[in-house]
């Protein structure tokens, strides 16, 4: 009986912890075209909602997304606007950005920080006694810029199809 009571209590604590703070990314799976040179920043926005007063963010960790081979990973910059959420107030807006360079091609969703399968952003909140966590998976797909010759070949093919249909 004591085991059942403990399991029920532990389950209730876990369920209520996620109800106390909710962290969401607006668009966690993004695709971007690689820049021809230099780098660009891909913005991840989202929200943090506190369901009870007295809770504040104690830390926020974002794992660096990497290729499946772990041969390359993208860097992360935290957005200064996100510091408003550390005061325990509900927040919606920019959270972090991923820097994509001209040589970064592929699907960046593996976690290069802890060696697990997906990149994840973790939000830890505390009321001074207890700590709770909420997290979101995310990924970045970087595609190549088509060369002008590719567009020319596509245009010639489309023109040939139009001409063939007219005959």
Foldseek 3Di string as FASTA:
>chain_A
DVVVVVVVVVVVVQVVLCVQKPWDWPAQEEEDEADQFFKDKAWIWTKMDGPDPLKFWPDKDWFWFAAPVNPDTWDKAADPVCVVRRVVHIDTTTGIITMGGNPDAAKGAQGPPPRDRGIKMKTWMDSVPDIGIDMDTHIYHYHYDDDPVVVVVVVVVVVVVVVVVVD
